[in-house]
Amino acid sequence: MTESPLETPVQFLNGVGSERAELLQKIGIQTVEDLLWHLPRSVLDLTDVRPVSELEDDQVASVCGKVTDLDARTISRGRTITSILLDCGDGFLKGTWFNQPWVIKRFFQGQFLMFSGKAKKRSGKWEMSHPQYQALEEDLDSPQGLILPKYSLTE
């Protein structure tokens, strides 16, 4: 009698291996079936695409625009700050990442992007810290936001 593929230990899946299988075991995932039934604890709805003029402080939203400025600098004690400025037509939005200098390599001048996250108004300007981002085609008329699953962490 052959064993069901669902009973295959996760460590034998491509890209898992024994170390990651140990981490997955901590959250109750030992077989392929366990993995298939491991549902997200919640979802992050980033489909609320709006113009900058309609942003609300501390509310999750998605904003589309064209990259007009890129800046990466080292601040005190080797820490870094990376900023991307989007021209959204009716205003500007700055995306900021701390201690992630590599992120600037993902963007270029003139690129169309969607930033999603909690917007905050600082010194009269809109900003998102560590926004989710999505590259867009030049057509910004009907951008689609994302729905992202949120899973429990292992460590």
C-alpha atoms as a PDB file:
ATOM      1  CA  MET A   1       0.000   0.000   0.000  1.00  0.00           C
ATOM      2  CA  THR A   2       1.443   3.384  -0.976  1.00  0.00           C
ATOM      3  CA  GLU A   3       1.625   6.379   1.345  1.00  0.00           C
ATOM      4  CA  SER A   4      -0.457   9.439   0.456  1.00  0.00           C
ATOM      5  CA  PRO A   5       1.580  12.400  -0.866  1.00  0.00           C
ATOM      6  CA  LEU A   6      -0.156  14.494   1.813  1.00  0.00           C
ATOM      7  CA  GLU A   7       1.658  12.474   4.479  1.00  0.00           C
ATOM      8  CA  THR A   8       5.086  13.409   3.085  1.00  0.00           C
ATOM      9  CA  PRO A   9       7.215  15.139   5.752  1.00  0.00           C
ATOM     10  CA  VAL A  10       7.764  18.811   4.874  1.00  0.00           C
ATOM     11  CA  GLN A  11      11.546  18.451   5.143  1.00  0.00           C
ATOM     12  CA  PHE A  12      11.467  16.595   1.808  1.00  0.00           C
ATOM     13  CA  LEU A  13       9.809  19.459  -0.035  1.00  0.00           C
ATOM     14  CA  ASN A  14      12.027  21.452  -2.374  1.00  0.00           C
ATOM     15  CA  GLY A  15      13.505  24.425  -0.481  1.00  0.00           C
ATOM     16  CA  VAL A  16      12.574  23.271   3.043  1.00  0.00           C
ATOM     17  CA  GLY A  17      15.267  20.916   4.372  1.00  0.00           C
ATOM     18  CA  SER A  18      15.780  19.752   7.960  1.00  0.00           C
ATOM     19  CA  GLU A  19      16.538  23.158   9.574  1.00  0.00           C
ATOM     20  CA  ARG A  20      13.416  24.869   8.235  1.00  0.00           C
ATOM     21  CA  ALA A  21      11.365  21.722   8.969  1.00  0.00           C
ATOM     22  CA  GLU A  22      12.354  22.084  12.647  1.00  0.00           C
ATOM     23  CA  LEU A  23      11.075  25.678  12.653  1.00  0.00           C
ATOM     24  CA  LEU A  24       7.832  24.639  10.962  1.00  0.00           C
ATOM     25  CA  GLN A  25       7.360  21.874  13.518  1.00  0.00           C
ATOM     26  CA  LYS A  26       7.240  24.546  16.257  1.00  0.00           C
ATOM     27  CA  ILE A  27       3.994  25.849  14.736  1.00  0.00           C
ATOM     28  CA  GLY A  28       2.547  22.379  14.154  1.00  0.00           C
ATOM     29  CA  ILE A  29       3.547  21.797  10.540  1.00  0.00           C
ATOM     30  CA  GLN A  30       5.064  18.354   9.991  1.00  0.00           C
ATOM     31  CA  THR A  31       3.476  17.070   6.766  1.00  0.00           C
ATOM     32  CA  VAL A  32       2.353  18.443   3.405  1.00  0.00           C
ATOM     33  CA  GLU A  33      -1.240  18.183   4.648  1.00  0.00           C
ATOM     34  CA  ASP A  34      -0.382  20.291   7.721  1.00  0.00           C
ATOM     35  CA  LEU A  35       1.155  22.892   5.407  1.00  0.00           C
ATOM     36  CA  LEU A  36      -1.933  22.983   3.178  1.00  0.00           C
ATOM     37  CA  TRP A  37      -4.210  23.501   6.176  1.00  0.00           C
ATOM     38  CA  HIS A  38      -2.028  26.161   7.815  1.00  0.00           C
ATOM     39  CA  LEU A  39      -4.244  29.169   7.239  1.00  0.00           C
ATOM     40  CA  PRO A  40      -3.241  32.802   7.758  1.00  0.00           C
ATOM     41  CA  ARG A  41      -4.147  34.332  11.132  1.00  0.00           C
ATOM     42  CA  SER A  42      -5.435  37.423   9.309  1.00  0.00           C
ATOM     43  CA  VAL A  43      -5.101  39.354   6.060  1.00  0.00           C
ATOM     44  CA  LEU A  44      -3.807  42.807   5.256  1.00  0.00           C
ATOM     45  CA  ASP A  45      -6.164  44.500   2.808  1.00  0.00           C
ATOM     46  CA  LEU A  46      -4.208  46.932   0.630  1.00  0.00           C
ATOM     47  CA  THR A  47      -6.939  47.397  -1.974  1.00  0.00           C
ATOM     48  CA  ASP A  48      -7.935  50.857  -0.682  1.00  0.00           C
ATOM     49  CA  VAL A  49      -6.184  52.848  -3.424  1.00  0.00           C
ATOM     50  CA  ARG A  50      -6.693  56.599  -2.969  1.00  0.00           C
ATOM     51  CA  PRO A  51      -5.204  59.942  -3.962  1.00  0.00           C
ATOM     52  CA  VAL A  52      -2.870  61.716  -1.511  1.00  0.00           C
ATOM     53  CA  SER A  53      -5.536  64.355  -0.862  1.00  0.00           C
ATOM     54  CA  GLU A  54      -7.777  61.660   0.688  1.00  0.00           C
ATOM     55  CA  LEU A  55      -5.198  60.104   3.021  1.00  0.00           C
ATOM     56  CA  GLU A  56      -6.016  59.920   6.718  1.00  0.00           C
ATOM     57  CA  ASP A  57      -3.427  59.913   9.499  1.00  0.00           C
ATOM     58  CA  ASP A  58      -2.601  56.418  10.831  1.00  0.00           C
ATOM     59  CA  GLN A  59      -4.945  54.676   8.361  1.00  0.00           C
ATOM     60  CA  VAL A  60      -3.794  51.908   6.008  1.00  0.00           C
ATOM     61  CA  ALA A  61      -4.104  52.924   2.358  1.00  0.00           C
ATOM     62  CA  SER A  62      -2.434  52.460  -1.008  1.00  0.00           C
ATOM     63  CA  VAL A  63      -1.131  55.366  -3.095  1.00  0.00           C
ATOM     64  CA  CYS A  64       0.198  55.352  -6.658  1.00  0.00           C
ATOM     65  CA  GLY A  65       2.761  57.667  -8.170  1.00  0.00           C
ATOM     66  CA  LYS A  66       5.945  58.223 -10.140  1.00  0.00           C
ATOM     67  CA  VAL A  67       9.367  58.126  -8.485  1.00  0.00           C
ATOM     68  CA  THR A  68      10.793  61.655  -8.531  1.00  0.00           C
ATOM     69  CA  ASP A  69      13.588  61.378  -5.959  1.00  0.00           C
ATOM     70  CA  LEU A  70      15.706  58.632  -4.402  1.00  0.00           C
ATOM     71  CA  ASP A  71      17.889  59.176  -1.354  1.00  0.00           C
ATOM     72  CA  ALA A  72      20.022  56.831   0.736  1.00  0.00           C
ATOM     73  CA  ARG A  73      22.264  58.048   3.505  1.00  0.00           C
ATOM     74  CA  THR A  74      24.114  56.851   6.559  1.00  0.00           C
ATOM     75  CA  ILE A  75      23.067  58.441   9.819  1.00  0.00           C
ATOM     76  CA  SER A  76      24.662  58.033  13.242  1.00  0.00           C
ATOM     77  CA  ARG A  77      26.527  54.850  14.236  1.00  0.00           C
ATOM     78  CA  GLY A  78      26.299  53.180  10.837  1.00  0.00           C
ATOM     79  CA  ARG A  79      22.513  53.235  10.645  1.00  0.00           C
ATOM     80  CA  THR A  80      20.934  54.049   7.292  1.00  0.00           C
ATOM     81  CA  ILE A  81      17.813  55.749   6.017  1.00  0.00           C
ATOM     82  CA  THR A  82      16.449  55.259   2.501  1.00  0.00           C
ATOM     83  CA  SER A  83      13.708  57.489   1.064  1.00  0.00           C
ATOM     84  CA  ILE A  84      11.718  57.373  -2.153  1.00  0.00           C
ATOM     85  CA  LEU A  85       9.515  60.322  -3.132  1.00  0.00           C
ATOM     86  CA  LEU A  86       6.426  59.645  -5.250  1.00  0.00           C
ATOM     87  CA  ASP A  87       4.653  62.318  -7.276  1.00  0.00           C
ATOM     88  CA  CYS A  88       1.033  61.198  -7.076  1.00  0.00           C
ATOM     89  CA  GLY A  89      -0.431  63.975  -9.216  1.00  0.00           C
ATOM     90  CA  ASP A  90      -2.348  65.673  -6.411  1.00  0.00           C
ATOM     91  CA  GLY A  91       0.524  65.604  -3.934  1.00  0.00           C
ATOM     92  CA  PHE A  92       3.684  63.838  -2.861  1.00  0.00           C
ATOM     93  CA  LEU A  93       4.266  60.829  -0.607  1.00  0.00           C
ATOM     94  CA  LYS A  94       7.612  59.742   0.829  1.00  0.00           C
ATOM     95  CA  GLY A  95       8.358  56.098   1.550  1.00  0.00           C
ATOM     96  CA  THR A  96      11.088  55.611   4.170  1.00  0.00           C
ATOM     97  CA  TRP A  97      13.059  52.521   5.177  1.00  0.00           C
ATOM     98  CA  PHE A  98      15.431  52.380   8.132  1.00  0.00           C
ATOM     99  CA  ASN A  99      18.548  50.165   8.083  1.00  0.00           C
ATOM    100  CA  GLN A 100      17.671  48.639   4.714  1.00  0.00           C
ATOM    101  CA  PRO A 101      20.159  50.299   2.317  1.00  0.00           C
ATOM    102  CA  TRP A 102      19.655  47.572  -0.308  1.00  0.00           C
ATOM    103  CA  VAL A 103      16.051  48.662  -0.910  1.00  0.00           C
ATOM    104  CA  ILE A 104      17.101  51.646  -3.064  1.00  0.00           C
ATOM    105  CA  LYS A 105      18.388  49.232  -5.733  1.00  0.00           C
ATOM    106  CA  ARG A 106      14.786  48.151  -6.377  1.00  0.00           C
ATOM    107  CA  PHE A 107      13.691  51.608  -7.554  1.00  0.00           C
ATOM    108  CA  PHE A 108      14.598  54.029 -10.350  1.00  0.00           C
ATOM    109  CA  GLN A 109      13.732  57.584 -11.400  1.00  0.00           C
ATOM    110  CA  GLY A 110      10.470  57.715 -13.387  1.00  0.00           C
ATOM    111  CA  GLN A 111       9.256  54.304 -12.181  1.00  0.00           C
ATOM    112  CA  PHE A 112       5.539  53.957 -11.392  1.00  0.00           C
ATOM    113  CA  LEU A 113       4.872  52.442  -7.957  1.00  0.00           C
ATOM    114  CA  MET A 114       2.157  51.719  -5.476  1.00  0.00           C
ATOM    115  CA  PHE A 115       3.043  52.204  -1.804  1.00  0.00           C
ATOM    116  CA  SER A 116       0.771  50.628   0.802  1.00  0.00           C
ATOM    117  CA  GLY A 117       0.865  51.108   4.536  1.00  0.00           C
ATOM    118  CA  LYS A 118      -0.073  53.466   7.354  1.00  0.00           C
ATOM    119  CA  ALA A 119       0.217  57.053   6.220  1.00  0.00           C
ATOM    120  CA  LYS A 120       1.413  59.715   8.653  1.00  0.00           C
ATOM    121  CA  LYS A 121       1.592  63.440   8.156  1.00  0.00           C
ATOM    122  CA  ARG A 122       4.932  64.807   9.394  1.00  0.00           C
ATOM    123  CA  SER A 123       5.754  68.496   9.092  1.00  0.00           C
ATOM    124  CA  GLY A 124       2.843  68.900   6.672  1.00  0.00           C
ATOM    125  CA  LYS A 125       4.043  66.106   4.339  1.00  0.00           C
ATOM    126  CA  TRP A 126       2.702  62.578   3.898  1.00  0.00           C
ATOM    127  CA  GLU A 127       5.028  59.686   4.668  1.00  0.00           C
ATOM    128  CA  MET A 128       4.895  55.901   5.015  1.00  0.00           C
ATOM    129  CA  SER A 129       7.510  54.005   6.996  1.00  0.00           C
ATOM    130  CA  HIS A 130       8.495  50.649   5.498  1.00  0.00           C
ATOM    131  CA  PRO A 131       5.617  50.585   2.985  1.00  0.00           C
ATOM    132  CA  GLN A 132       4.732  47.511   0.968  1.00  0.00           C
ATOM    133  CA  TYR A 133       5.501  48.367  -2.648  1.00  0.00           C
ATOM    134  CA  GLN A 134       4.416  47.173  -6.029  1.00  0.00           C
ATOM    135  CA  ALA A 135       5.806  48.161  -9.440  1.00  0.00           C
ATOM    136  CA  LEU A 136       3.103  49.360 -11.850  1.00  0.00           C
ATOM    137  CA  GLU A 137       2.744  49.811 -15.566  1.00  0.00           C
ATOM    138  CA  GLU A 138       2.536  53.431 -16.718  1.00  0.00           C
ATOM    139  CA  ASP A 139      -1.273  53.266 -16.673  1.00  0.00           C
ATOM    140  CA  LEU A 140      -2.212  54.536 -13.203  1.00  0.00           C
ATOM    141  CA  ASP A 141      -5.928  54.846 -14.033  1.00  0.00           C
ATOM    142  CA  SER A 142      -7.055  51.573 -12.427  1.00  0.00           C
ATOM    143  CA  PRO A 143      -4.345  50.177 -10.164  1.00  0.00           C
ATOM    144  CA  GLN A 144      -5.184  47.079  -8.137  1.00  0.00           C
ATOM    145  CA  GLY A 145      -4.034  46.804  -4.539  1.00  0.00           C
ATOM    146  CA  LEU A 146      -3.031  43.560  -2.859  1.00  0.00           C
ATOM    147  CA  ILE A 147      -4.524  41.333  -0.197  1.00  0.00           C
ATOM    148  CA  LEU A 148      -1.628  39.849   1.770  1.00  0.00           C
ATOM    149  CA  PRO A 149      -1.948  36.901   4.159  1.00  0.00           C
ATOM    150  CA  LYS A 150      -0.405  37.239   7.640  1.00  0.00           C
ATOM    151  CA  TYR A 151       0.916  34.011   9.137  1.00  0.00           C
ATOM    152  CA  SER A 152       2.171  33.194  12.617  1.00  0.00           C
ATOM    153  CA  LEU A 153       5.947  33.393  12.915  1.00  0.00           C
ATOM    154  CA  THR A 154       8.193  30.517  13.946  1.00  0.00           C
ATOM    155  CA  GLU A 155      11.024  32.483  15.596  1.00  0.00           C
END
